[in-house]
Amino acid sequence: MASHIVTSADVAPDGERLKSAKVDKIKMIAGGVSLLLSIVSAILLFGPKETWTANYAYSWVFALFFFFTLAVGGCFWTLLHNVSNSGWGTSVRRVFENLGAVYPWMFIFAIPLLIPNVQQYLYEWMNMHRGLDTHGGEYSVKEALHHTGDPHDHLLYLKHWYLNIPFWYGRFIFYFIGLSAVILGLRKLSVAQDTDPNPGTSRLFRARFHSTYTLIIFAITITFAGFDWLKGLDYTWFSTMWGVYLFAGSALNSMAVIIITVALLQRAGYMKKVVTPEHFHIKGKLLLAFTIFWAYVTFSQYFLIWYANITEETKYFLIRNTGGWNIGMMALVVFHFVVPFVILLQAWLKRNPKTLSLMAVYTLVMHILDHYLIAIPERSISLMNMLPDVYGDVETTIPGAFLGDILAFITIGSGFVFFYLRSLGQNNLYPNRDPRILESANVSN
């Protein structure tokens, strides 16, 4: 139970705004670092040296999708809160919305994926499409794939309805326009309540209604962006669990970011009246639930592929069970599931903001490893085939490429921090005029 009953007298009539010179300084440093390193990244991605672009393209995809999942997760928790008509989440709803509001800005970091000079090292199927002989326009791209005479091209021919360049670009634009419109619209609806002299419940009903059908847009975005940007690194690979696997990691680790955010805000003196150990307990249970869900989906994907033993499916795990990558895969089993599962079973830990935040940081570190193992092992395999004169003697890793992975992660990560802090400081930290704020502040579970 909360230490005392929260009343309307405890809720600031004008809300609480994040006003801190220290936060502003961190925001500007993060923005400056991201801008500076973005220039360095642009040189690596678009510069004259082919090996720089080839190596760094994979580093960029790894870092981009990691932070993409966190922002998309903020959209998910906002939608889920509204659809479920959650009472407990009202106190932290604005944090959900602010994390989701970073999502539209991720487009800036996704722009390199639109450039053919970068695409050529990531997506083999695009190279095949662009290099086809259409006999002066006599054949369409699909027909040209059918007439190459190479039996390996038949798979790409069958997938042409989805894997074609115009449709790929169309999906790319849809991911950002569609979900950005959703989260910005819901956030605007929520923020308007803070200054409405008669807030009422009409906005709650509207937010709930608009969150129902737009959940479809979220599901399409997290699933097919994962298909296009990650699974597309090897167009021959199949997995029926891929979309839900990425969703599980996104929901889990965006909740970790939310836990850390609220804990830091409370430490700075904010939201102390409306967020109690009960809220941390609930968020901790969600962290535990999605840890279990992530493990279930991950095992299911592996088991189905192992049991079927189809070449086009098993190659994903064969690559990652080779050399040092196998250590990372085994580490995921122990440290991404077993360790957090055992620790998060403790109720006292989930009620303590400090200890729960430490577990949230730990979860994010495991998420980094997870996405590193998704994207980076494809680099040496693909570049060996594409540039055999340069990478022909590479076995599992490319010497020195790890530095580029760190650079890309810091570049996009500092930009993510900048836009997140900017979002947190734009409006009240919680919906102080929401009719359910007292219900949320006094939640017991």
Protein backbone atom coordinates (compact mmCIF):
# COMPACT_ATOMS: atom_id res chain seq x y z
CA MET A 1 0.00 0.00 0.00
CA ALA A 2 1.05 3.63 -0.47
CA SER A 3 2.32 5.37 2.65
CA HIS A 4 -0.71 7.65 2.68
CA ILE A 5 -3.84 8.28 0.67
CA VAL A 6 -3.16 10.72 -2.17
CA THR A 7 -5.76 13.46 -2.49
CA SER A 8 -6.28 16.26 -4.97
CA ALA A 9 -4.26 18.50 -2.65
CA ASP A 10 -1.19 16.36 -3.40
CA VAL A 11 -1.50 16.79 -7.17
CA ALA A 12 0.05 20.00 -8.47
CA PRO A 13 -2.77 22.03 -10.07
CA ASP A 14 -0.52 23.06 -12.97
CA GLY A 15 1.30 19.74 -13.15
CA GLU A 16 5.03 19.15 -12.99
CA ARG A 17 7.43 20.19 -15.75
CA LEU A 18 10.96 18.95 -16.18
CA LYS A 19 13.01 22.09 -15.60
CA SER A 20 16.60 21.34 -14.77
CA ALA A 21 19.81 22.97 -15.92
CA LYS A 22 21.53 19.61 -15.48
CA VAL A 23 19.04 17.87 -17.77
CA ASP A 24 19.34 20.66 -20.34
CA LYS A 25 23.11 20.26 -20.27
CA ILE A 26 22.87 16.50 -20.79
CA LYS A 27 20.42 17.05 -23.64
CA MET A 28 22.70 19.50 -25.41
CA ILE A 29 25.76 17.29 -24.94
CA ALA A 30 23.85 14.30 -26.33
CA GLY A 31 22.66 16.35 -29.30
CA GLY A 32 26.14 17.70 -29.97
CA VAL A 33 27.73 14.26 -29.77
CA SER A 34 25.10 12.80 -32.10
CA LEU A 35 25.55 15.62 -34.62
CA LEU A 36 29.33 15.36 -34.60
CA LEU A 37 29.38 11.57 -34.87
CA SER A 38 26.69 11.70 -37.56
CA ILE A 39 29.14 13.63 -39.72
CA VAL A 40 31.77 10.96 -39.10
CA SER A 41 29.17 8.28 -39.87
CA ALA A 42 28.21 10.00 -43.11
CA ILE A 43 31.86 9.88 -44.19
CA LEU A 44 32.00 6.17 -43.40
CA LEU A 45 28.69 5.39 -45.12
CA PHE A 46 29.03 7.61 -48.18
CA GLY A 47 32.78 8.11 -48.44
CA PRO A 48 35.03 6.86 -51.24
CA LYS A 49 36.37 3.78 -49.43
CA GLU A 50 34.27 0.72 -50.20
CA THR A 51 35.32 -1.31 -47.16
CA TRP A 52 34.27 1.50 -44.81
CA THR A 53 30.77 1.59 -46.27
CA ALA A 54 30.45 -2.18 -46.39
CA ASN A 55 31.45 -2.68 -42.73
CA TYR A 56 29.67 0.32 -41.30
CA ALA A 57 26.38 -0.39 -43.05
CA TYR A 58 25.90 -3.42 -40.79
CA SER A 59 26.94 -1.44 -37.73
CA TRP A 60 24.28 1.14 -38.62
CA VAL A 61 21.50 -1.43 -39.05
CA PHE A 62 22.34 -3.00 -35.69
CA ALA A 63 22.25 0.31 -33.80
CA LEU A 64 19.26 1.67 -35.71
CA PHE A 65 16.98 -1.25 -35.00
CA PHE A 66 17.98 -1.47 -31.35
CA PHE A 67 16.83 2.09 -30.64
CA PHE A 68 13.96 1.73 -33.10
CA THR A 69 12.51 -1.05 -30.90
CA LEU A 70 12.65 1.18 -27.82
CA ALA A 71 10.74 4.00 -29.50
CA VAL A 72 8.23 1.61 -31.06
CA GLY A 73 7.77 0.07 -27.61
CA GLY A 74 6.75 3.45 -26.23
CA CYS A 75 4.02 3.55 -28.88
CA PHE A 76 2.92 0.06 -27.87
CA TRP A 77 2.56 0.86 -24.16
CA THR A 78 0.62 4.02 -25.00
CA LEU A 79 -1.79 2.08 -27.21
CA LEU A 80 -2.13 -0.75 -24.69
CA HIS A 81 -2.82 1.67 -21.85
CA ASN A 82 -5.61 3.33 -23.82
CA VAL A 83 -7.16 0.16 -25.20
CA SER A 84 -7.19 -1.63 -21.84
CA ASN A 85 -8.62 1.49 -20.15
CA SER A 86 -5.87 1.13 -17.58
CA GLY A 87 -6.29 2.93 -14.29
CA TRP A 88 -2.90 2.21 -12.71
CA GLY A 89 -0.98 3.48 -15.73
CA THR A 90 -2.42 6.99 -15.71
CA SER A 91 0.40 8.30 -13.51
CA VAL A 92 3.06 7.10 -15.94
CA ARG A 93 1.10 7.40 -19.20
CA ARG A 94 2.91 10.56 -20.22
CA VAL A 95 6.23 8.71 -19.98
CA PHE A 96 4.82 6.10 -22.38
CA GLU A 97 3.79 8.88 -24.74
CA ASN A 98 7.10 10.73 -24.50
CA LEU A 99 9.08 7.60 -25.27
CA GLY A 100 6.80 6.93 -28.23
CA ALA A 101 7.22 10.54 -29.38
CA VAL A 102 10.86 9.76 -30.15
CA TYR A 103 9.70 7.39 -32.87
CA PRO A 104 9.12 9.97 -35.67
CA TRP A 105 12.68 11.24 -35.19
CA MET A 106 14.09 7.79 -35.84
CA PHE A 107 13.42 8.50 -39.51
CA ILE A 108 16.52 10.73 -39.54
CA PHE A 109 18.72 7.79 -38.60
CA ALA A 110 16.91 5.45 -41.00
CA ILE A 111 17.65 7.63 -44.05
CA PRO A 112 20.90 5.78 -44.94
CA LEU A 113 18.86 2.63 -45.60
CA LEU A 114 17.17 4.50 -48.46
CA ILE A 115 20.47 5.07 -50.28
CA PRO A 116 21.42 2.46 -52.92
CA ASN A 117 25.13 2.89 -52.10
CA VAL A 118 24.39 1.55 -48.60
CA GLN A 119 21.72 -0.94 -49.67
CA GLN A 120 24.11 -2.78 -52.01
CA TYR A 121 26.10 -4.17 -49.07
CA LEU A 122 23.06 -5.07 -46.97
CA TYR A 123 20.40 -6.44 -49.27
CA GLU A 124 21.59 -8.89 -51.90
CA TRP A 125 18.13 -9.17 -53.42
CA MET A 126 18.18 -5.48 -54.34
CA ASN A 127 21.45 -5.95 -56.19
CA MET A 128 19.95 -8.86 -58.10
CA HIS A 129 16.92 -6.78 -59.09
CA ARG A 130 19.03 -3.82 -60.19
CA GLY A 131 21.45 -6.02 -62.12
CA LEU A 132 18.86 -7.92 -64.13
CA ASP A 133 18.89 -7.94 -67.90
CA THR A 134 15.35 -6.97 -68.92
CA HIS A 135 16.29 -7.04 -72.63
CA GLY A 136 15.64 -3.37 -73.14
CA GLY A 137 12.40 -3.38 -71.21
CA GLU A 138 10.98 -6.44 -72.91
CA TYR A 139 10.72 -8.21 -69.53
CA SER A 140 9.49 -6.95 -66.19
CA VAL A 141 11.78 -7.49 -63.19
CA LYS A 142 9.74 -10.52 -62.17
CA GLU A 143 9.86 -12.00 -65.66
CA ALA A 144 13.60 -11.33 -65.87
CA LEU A 145 14.10 -13.28 -62.62
CA HIS A 146 12.27 -16.16 -64.22
CA HIS A 147 14.59 -16.13 -67.25
CA THR A 148 17.99 -15.92 -65.56
CA GLY A 149 18.57 -19.66 -65.74
CA ASP A 150 19.95 -19.69 -62.19
CA PRO A 151 17.84 -22.02 -59.98
CA HIS A 152 18.69 -19.91 -56.93
CA ASP A 153 16.81 -16.97 -58.45
CA HIS A 154 13.54 -18.91 -58.42
CA LEU A 155 13.10 -18.24 -54.70
CA LEU A 156 13.41 -14.52 -55.29
CA TYR A 157 11.00 -14.86 -58.20
CA LEU A 158 8.40 -16.41 -55.87
CA LYS A 159 8.94 -13.66 -53.30
CA HIS A 160 8.74 -10.85 -55.85
CA TRP A 161 5.24 -9.85 -54.73
CA TYR A 162 6.83 -8.69 -51.46
CA LEU A 163 10.52 -8.26 -52.26
CA ASN A 164 10.43 -5.64 -54.94
CA ILE A 165 12.12 -2.28 -54.64
CA PRO A 166 9.14 0.09 -55.18
CA PHE A 167 7.04 -1.79 -52.60
CA TRP A 168 10.01 -1.81 -50.19
CA TYR A 169 10.27 1.98 -50.39
CA GLY A 170 6.51 2.32 -49.99
CA ARG A 171 6.55 0.21 -46.83
CA PHE A 172 9.47 2.21 -45.48
CA ILE A 173 7.56 5.47 -45.81
CA PHE A 174 4.40 3.90 -44.37
CA TYR A 175 6.20 2.72 -41.24
CA PHE A 176 7.13 6.26 -40.28
CA ILE A 177 4.11 8.19 -41.54
CA GLY A 178 1.57 5.72 -40.15
CA LEU A 179 2.86 5.12 -36.62
CA SER A 180 4.16 8.70 -36.25
CA ALA A 181 0.68 10.02 -36.95
CA VAL A 182 -0.73 7.61 -34.37
CA ILE A 183 1.60 8.47 -31.48
CA LEU A 184 1.68 12.22 -32.14
CA GLY A 185 -2.11 12.32 -32.38
CA LEU A 186 -2.59 10.42 -29.12
CA ARG A 187 0.02 12.52 -27.35
CA LYS A 188 -1.60 15.74 -28.57
CA LEU A 189 -4.98 14.50 -27.31
CA SER A 190 -3.45 13.69 -23.93
CA VAL A 191 -1.53 16.96 -23.54
CA ALA A 192 -4.59 19.06 -24.45
CA GLN A 193 -6.29 17.70 -21.33
CA ASP A 194 -3.71 19.44 -19.11
CA THR A 195 -5.02 22.91 -19.95
CA ASP A 196 -8.68 22.13 -20.56
CA PRO A 197 -10.84 23.89 -17.91
CA ASN A 198 -13.36 21.03 -18.22
CA PRO A 199 -11.19 17.97 -18.94
CA GLY A 200 -13.90 15.34 -18.37
CA THR A 201 -13.68 11.88 -19.89
CA SER A 202 -14.36 12.59 -23.57
CA ARG A 203 -10.67 12.56 -24.47
CA LEU A 204 -10.21 9.25 -22.68
CA PHE A 205 -12.95 7.68 -24.81
CA ARG A 206 -11.50 9.19 -27.98
CA ALA A 207 -8.00 7.98 -27.13
CA ARG A 208 -9.38 4.52 -26.40
CA PHE A 209 -11.30 4.39 -29.68
CA HIS A 210 -8.41 5.61 -31.82
CA SER A 211 -6.00 3.21 -30.13
CA THR A 212 -7.99 0.13 -31.14
CA TYR A 213 -7.65 0.13 -34.92
CA THR A 214 -4.22 1.82 -34.82
CA LEU A 215 -2.82 -1.17 -32.95
CA ILE A 216 -2.86 -2.77 -36.39
CA ILE A 217 -0.48 -0.07 -37.65
CA PHE A 218 1.85 -0.79 -34.73
CA ALA A 219 1.78 -4.53 -35.43
CA ILE A 220 2.50 -3.99 -39.13
CA THR A 221 5.36 -1.62 -38.35
CA ILE A 222 7.30 -3.73 -35.83
CA THR A 223 6.76 -6.91 -37.85
CA PHE A 224 7.49 -5.80 -41.38
CA ALA A 225 10.23 -3.31 -40.53
CA GLY A 226 11.94 -6.31 -38.95
CA PHE A 227 11.34 -8.30 -42.12
CA ASP A 228 12.65 -5.56 -44.40
CA TRP A 229 15.66 -4.30 -42.44
CA LEU A 230 16.86 -7.41 -40.60
CA LYS A 231 15.41 -10.51 -42.19
CA GLY A 232 16.09 -8.96 -45.59
CA LEU A 233 19.82 -9.24 -44.86
CA ASP A 234 19.33 -12.85 -46.02
CA TYR A 235 16.31 -13.03 -48.31
CA THR A 236 16.45 -16.84 -48.43
CA TRP A 237 15.79 -17.26 -44.71
CA PHE A 238 12.36 -18.22 -43.37
CA SER A 239 10.87 -17.84 -39.88
CA THR A 240 7.21 -17.70 -38.92
CA MET A 241 8.10 -16.39 -35.42
CA TRP A 242 10.23 -13.43 -36.46
CA GLY A 243 7.64 -10.66 -36.03
CA VAL A 244 6.49 -11.74 -32.57
CA TYR A 245 10.12 -12.31 -31.53
CA LEU A 246 10.99 -8.68 -32.31
CA PHE A 247 7.78 -7.49 -30.65
CA ALA A 248 8.62 -9.36 -27.43
CA GLY A 249 12.04 -7.71 -27.23
CA SER A 250 10.57 -4.31 -28.04
CA ALA A 251 7.89 -4.46 -25.34
CA LEU A 252 10.31 -5.85 -22.75
CA ASN A 253 13.06 -3.31 -23.22
CA SER A 254 10.89 -0.25 -23.75
CA MET A 255 9.40 -1.06 -20.34
CA ALA A 256 12.96 -1.16 -19.00
CA VAL A 257 13.51 2.37 -20.36
CA ILE A 258 10.24 3.52 -18.75
CA ILE A 259 11.27 2.07 -15.37
CA ILE A 260 14.66 3.80 -15.50
CA THR A 261 13.07 7.09 -16.58
CA VAL A 262 10.51 7.19 -13.77
CA ALA A 263 13.12 6.19 -11.19
CA LEU A 264 15.46 8.98 -12.30
CA LEU A 265 12.63 11.52 -12.34
CA GLN A 266 11.67 10.58 -8.80
CA ARG A 267 15.28 10.84 -7.71
CA ALA A 268 15.30 14.37 -9.16
CA GLY A 269 12.20 15.23 -7.09
CA TYR A 270 9.45 14.75 -9.66
CA MET A 271 6.31 12.55 -9.64
CA LYS A 272 6.80 11.56 -6.00
CA LYS A 273 3.15 11.98 -5.06
CA VAL A 274 1.60 10.16 -8.01
CA VAL A 275 4.06 7.27 -8.50
CA THR A 276 4.46 4.85 -5.61
CA PRO A 277 6.19 1.49 -5.03
CA GLU A 278 2.96 -0.08 -6.27
CA HIS A 279 3.60 1.34 -9.74
CA PHE A 280 7.13 -0.01 -9.74
CA HIS A 281 5.79 -3.38 -8.61
CA ILE A 282 3.40 -3.48 -11.57
CA LYS A 283 6.09 -2.40 -14.03
CA GLY A 284 8.41 -5.00 -12.53
CA LYS A 285 5.79 -7.68 -13.08
CA LEU A 286 5.44 -6.56 -16.69
CA LEU A 287 9.22 -6.76 -17.03
CA LEU A 288 9.11 -10.31 -15.68
CA ALA A 289 6.15 -11.26 -17.87
CA PHE A 290 7.82 -10.11 -21.07
CA THR A 291 11.10 -11.72 -20.04
CA ILE A 292 9.21 -15.02 -19.94
CA PHE A 293 7.37 -14.21 -23.16
CA TRP A 294 10.60 -13.31 -24.96
CA ALA A 295 12.16 -16.60 -23.84
CA TYR A 296 9.08 -18.58 -24.90
CA VAL A 297 9.02 -17.03 -28.37
CA THR A 298 12.79 -17.38 -28.79
CA PHE A 299 12.69 -21.05 -27.85
CA SER A 300 9.66 -21.63 -30.06
CA GLN A 301 11.44 -20.14 -33.06
CA TYR A 302 14.53 -22.28 -32.43
CA PHE A 303 12.56 -25.46 -31.74
CA LEU A 304 10.38 -25.18 -34.84
CA ILE A 305 13.41 -24.59 -37.06
CA TRP A 306 15.42 -27.40 -35.41
CA TYR A 307 12.54 -29.86 -35.66
CA ALA A 308 11.75 -29.12 -39.32
CA ASN A 309 15.45 -29.13 -40.28
CA ILE A 310 14.89 -27.21 -43.53
CA THR A 311 18.03 -25.73 -45.05
CA GLU A 312 16.50 -22.30 -45.70
CA GLU A 313 15.55 -22.06 -42.02
CA THR A 314 18.48 -23.68 -40.19
CA LYS A 315 21.12 -21.46 -41.81
CA TYR A 316 20.32 -18.61 -39.36
CA PHE A 317 21.31 -20.71 -36.36
CA LEU A 318 24.15 -22.50 -38.13
CA ILE A 319 25.87 -19.15 -38.69
CA ARG A 320 25.32 -18.10 -35.07
CA ASN A 321 26.51 -21.43 -33.71
CA THR A 322 29.86 -21.01 -35.46
CA GLY A 323 32.99 -19.76 -33.73
CA GLY A 324 32.60 -17.12 -31.04
CA TRP A 325 28.98 -16.37 -31.99
CA ASN A 326 27.94 -19.57 -30.20
CA ILE A 327 29.16 -18.11 -26.89
CA GLY A 328 26.85 -15.15 -27.38
CA MET A 329 23.89 -17.37 -28.23
CA MET A 330 24.41 -19.48 -25.12
CA ALA A 331 24.81 -16.30 -23.07
CA LEU A 332 21.35 -15.20 -24.20
CA VAL A 333 19.83 -18.37 -22.77
CA VAL A 334 21.44 -17.90 -19.36
CA PHE A 335 21.66 -14.14 -18.97
CA HIS A 336 18.66 -12.92 -20.96
CA PHE A 337 16.24 -15.39 -19.39
CA VAL A 338 17.44 -17.53 -16.47
CA VAL A 339 19.14 -14.77 -14.46
CA PRO A 340 16.44 -12.06 -14.81
CA PHE A 341 13.68 -14.66 -14.36
CA VAL A 342 15.05 -15.80 -10.99
CA ILE A 343 15.81 -12.28 -9.77
CA LEU A 344 12.54 -10.68 -10.88
CA LEU A 345 10.51 -13.29 -9.00
CA GLN A 346 11.38 -11.36 -5.82
CA ALA A 347 8.47 -9.06 -4.93
CA TRP A 348 10.58 -6.77 -2.73
CA LEU A 349 12.97 -6.08 -5.61
CA LYS A 350 10.17 -5.03 -7.95
CA ARG A 351 8.87 -2.54 -5.37
CA ASN A 352 12.25 -0.86 -4.95
CA PRO A 353 12.95 1.74 -7.69
CA LYS A 354 16.73 1.43 -7.35
CA THR A 355 17.00 -2.35 -7.57
CA LEU A 356 14.35 -2.58 -10.28
CA SER A 357 16.19 0.08 -12.30
CA LEU A 358 19.39 -1.93 -12.05
CA MET A 359 17.54 -4.93 -13.47
CA ALA A 360 16.13 -2.71 -16.21
CA VAL A 361 19.66 -1.58 -17.16
CA TYR A 362 20.76 -5.22 -17.16
CA THR A 363 17.86 -6.12 -19.46
CA LEU A 364 18.86 -3.40 -21.91
CA VAL A 365 22.42 -4.74 -22.01
CA MET A 366 21.03 -8.16 -22.91
CA HIS A 367 18.88 -6.53 -25.59
CA ILE A 368 22.05 -5.06 -27.10
CA LEU A 369 23.58 -8.53 -27.25
CA ASP A 370 20.38 -9.94 -28.74
CA HIS A 371 20.31 -7.43 -31.59
CA TYR A 372 24.04 -7.64 -32.12
CA LEU A 373 23.65 -11.36 -32.75
CA ILE A 374 20.76 -10.69 -35.13
CA ALA A 375 22.57 -8.26 -37.43
CA ILE A 376 26.33 -8.56 -37.18
CA PRO A 377 26.98 -12.27 -37.95
CA GLU A 378 25.50 -11.63 -41.41
CA ARG A 379 28.25 -9.12 -42.15
CA SER A 380 31.19 -11.44 -42.71
CA ILE A 381 29.07 -14.02 -44.60
CA SER A 382 27.61 -11.43 -46.99
CA LEU A 383 30.79 -9.45 -47.57
CA MET A 384 32.84 -12.61 -48.15
CA ASN A 385 30.55 -13.45 -51.05
CA MET A 386 30.23 -9.90 -52.32
CA LEU A 387 33.88 -8.80 -52.02
CA PRO A 388 35.91 -12.03 -52.06
CA ASP A 389 39.17 -10.25 -52.91
CA VAL A 390 38.93 -8.24 -49.68
CA TYR A 391 37.12 -10.57 -47.26
CA GLY A 392 37.88 -14.00 -48.71
CA ASP A 393 39.97 -15.09 -45.72
CA VAL A 394 37.52 -13.90 -43.07
CA GLU A 395 35.93 -16.70 -41.02
CA THR A 396 33.36 -15.30 -38.61
CA THR A 397 34.29 -11.69 -37.77
CA ILE A 398 35.96 -8.81 -39.57
CA PRO A 399 38.96 -7.40 -37.67
CA GLY A 400 38.40 -3.83 -36.48
CA ALA A 401 34.73 -3.70 -37.50
CA PHE A 402 33.70 -3.77 -33.84
CA LEU A 403 34.88 -0.16 -33.48
CA GLY A 404 32.35 0.85 -36.11
CA ASP A 405 29.63 -0.98 -34.19
CA ILE A 406 30.43 1.09 -31.11
CA LEU A 407 30.54 4.32 -33.12
CA ALA A 408 27.13 3.69 -34.73
CA PHE A 409 25.62 2.76 -31.35
CA ILE A 410 26.87 5.96 -29.69
CA THR A 411 25.80 8.09 -32.66
CA ILE A 412 22.20 6.89 -32.74
CA GLY A 413 22.05 6.40 -28.95
CA SER A 414 23.05 9.98 -28.17
CA GLY A 415 20.49 11.18 -30.71
CA PHE A 416 17.86 9.01 -29.06
CA VAL A 417 18.72 10.52 -25.64
CA PHE A 418 18.50 14.05 -27.09
CA PHE A 419 15.05 13.56 -28.59
CA TYR A 420 13.80 11.68 -25.51
CA LEU A 421 14.88 14.41 -23.09
CA ARG A 422 13.42 16.99 -25.45
CA SER A 423 10.12 15.14 -25.42
CA LEU A 424 10.10 14.79 -21.62
CA GLY A 425 10.61 18.53 -21.17
CA GLN A 426 7.90 19.75 -23.52
CA ASN A 427 4.86 19.04 -21.34
CA ASN A 428 3.76 17.98 -17.87
CA LEU A 429 5.38 14.77 -16.69
CA TYR A 430 2.00 13.24 -15.86
CA PRO A 431 -1.61 14.02 -16.84
CA ASN A 432 -2.50 15.99 -13.71
CA ARG A 433 -6.04 16.78 -14.91
CA ASP A 434 -6.93 13.25 -15.90
CA PRO A 435 -10.06 12.14 -13.96
CA ARG A 436 -8.28 8.91 -13.00
CA ILE A 437 -5.09 10.39 -11.63
CA LEU A 438 -6.13 9.84 -8.00
CA GLU A 439 -7.20 6.29 -8.74
CA SER A 440 -3.78 5.67 -10.24
CA ALA A 441 -1.87 7.40 -7.43
CA ASN A 442 -3.64 5.20 -4.87
CA VAL A 443 -3.33 1.94 -6.77
CA SER A 444 -2.76 -1.24 -4.77
CA ASN A 445 -1.77 -4.62 -6.18
